[in-house]
Amino acid sequence: MATDDIELTIVMPCLNEARTLGACIEQAQQMFASTGLRGEVVVGDNGSTDGSQQIARERGARVVEVPVRGYGAALLGGIAAARGRYVLMGDSDMSYDFGHAPRFLDALKQGHDVVMGNRFRGGIQPGAMPPLHRYLGNPVLTKLGQLFFGIGHVGDFHCGLRAFRKDAVASLQLSCTGMEFASEMVVKAALHGLKIAEVPTTLAPDGRDRPPHLRTWRDGWRHLRFLLCYSPRWAFLYPGLVCALLGLLLGLFVLPGPRRVGGVVFDIHTLVYAGGLVLVGAQGVFFSVLSKIFAITQELVPEPPAATRLFQKITLEHGVVIGLLLVTAGVLGSFAAVYGWVETGLGDYDPGRAMRVVVPSVVALALGAQTIFSSFFLSLLGMPTKKR
């Protein structure tokens, strides 16, 4: 079949799936025959040693050898070799129904760029999904994805049966080679403003006679790590703001003197921890900005207009001036603390009095230095962005 004649490519990742691969390909071929769709099946093989490649070729599939190991790597290799305008990806273990391809294709033809399957809407057969995945892992990671990236209409973040326009997904420059590839696709699609739809699909128990490649805790952590790395607001900014605000309020509360709440006395020890919260919170805010700019300059995420306006209004010089003001305040406070010590003849200095000057001074000095260093680093990261 000529490339121009292919409408849909079905991509199946494969690593020693001889037991089920043939049935999956036959199901896909039957779907093509019954619907009249012009399509092909591509198997992204990850180095199978059980004859999966021969099984695929005998059933009319194209086999793409992918030397880099991993679920995402196998799919990326298969997608790159796809000749269809649209691509449907699905596991080769008989857990997904490739007969559902037309419903995905219909949504794509209506103007959507990515169409996700939703197993919770379509039906999960008994034994198809472990309870830990069904009631904790998938719901929690999906809710976090919805919250972090504003895609509340995607109710099954990790469904392995999904379809997309090949050119649209190619523009995302996907790169994850592991199981987190599933999260990367939907997250980057949302960040780049692609139109995402969802259709119901089913999940059946896989036909393997061995444990699945998925590792619950390892791969769950990799998904969570990816979500946090691509959302510096939730990883750094919001926790940082909470810490800084809590530390500031707590510090102001005990700065004038000891405070009694019921039978509990809050004094200078509380002030020290309050200062630490302010510094940690400020570092979180700096990390959030630096991470966002790094992601933009590396073209991991699109450049929002707000970033351009940020560089236009906030320059290196502004950050240095603010940092120097904080350092100056810290130095003046330190002089005041030393003066109070001199008044005692450099002898015993009441800790209750001294620390109420020393702690704010040290916080101001450290915060000023952080601001200056972060401003220089931000300017360095932002150079390509300004040039563009």
Foldseek 3Di string as FASTA:
>chain_A
DDLVQAAEEEEEEDAQQQVQQLVQLVLLVVLCVVVVHRHAYEYQYADHDNCSCVSQVVSRHHYFYFPDDAPQSSRVRRLVPGSHQKYKYAYRQPFFRSNCVVVQVVVVVVPAFKEAEDAVVQDEDPPQDDPCCVPPLQQVLQVLLCVQQVPVQDRGQQHRTMMGGSVLQVVLVQDDRYSLSSNLSVRQCSLVVGGYHYDYTHTYHTPDPDDDPDDVPVVSVVNVVVSCLVRLCVVFQVQLVVLQVVLVVQLVVALVHWDDDPNDIDALVSNLVSLVSNLSSLVSNLVSLLSVLLCCLVVNGPDDVVVVVCPVPDALVNLLVQLVVLLVQLVVLVVVLVVQCVVVVVDDDPCRVNSSSNSSSVSSNSSSVVSNVSRVSSNVSCPVVVVD
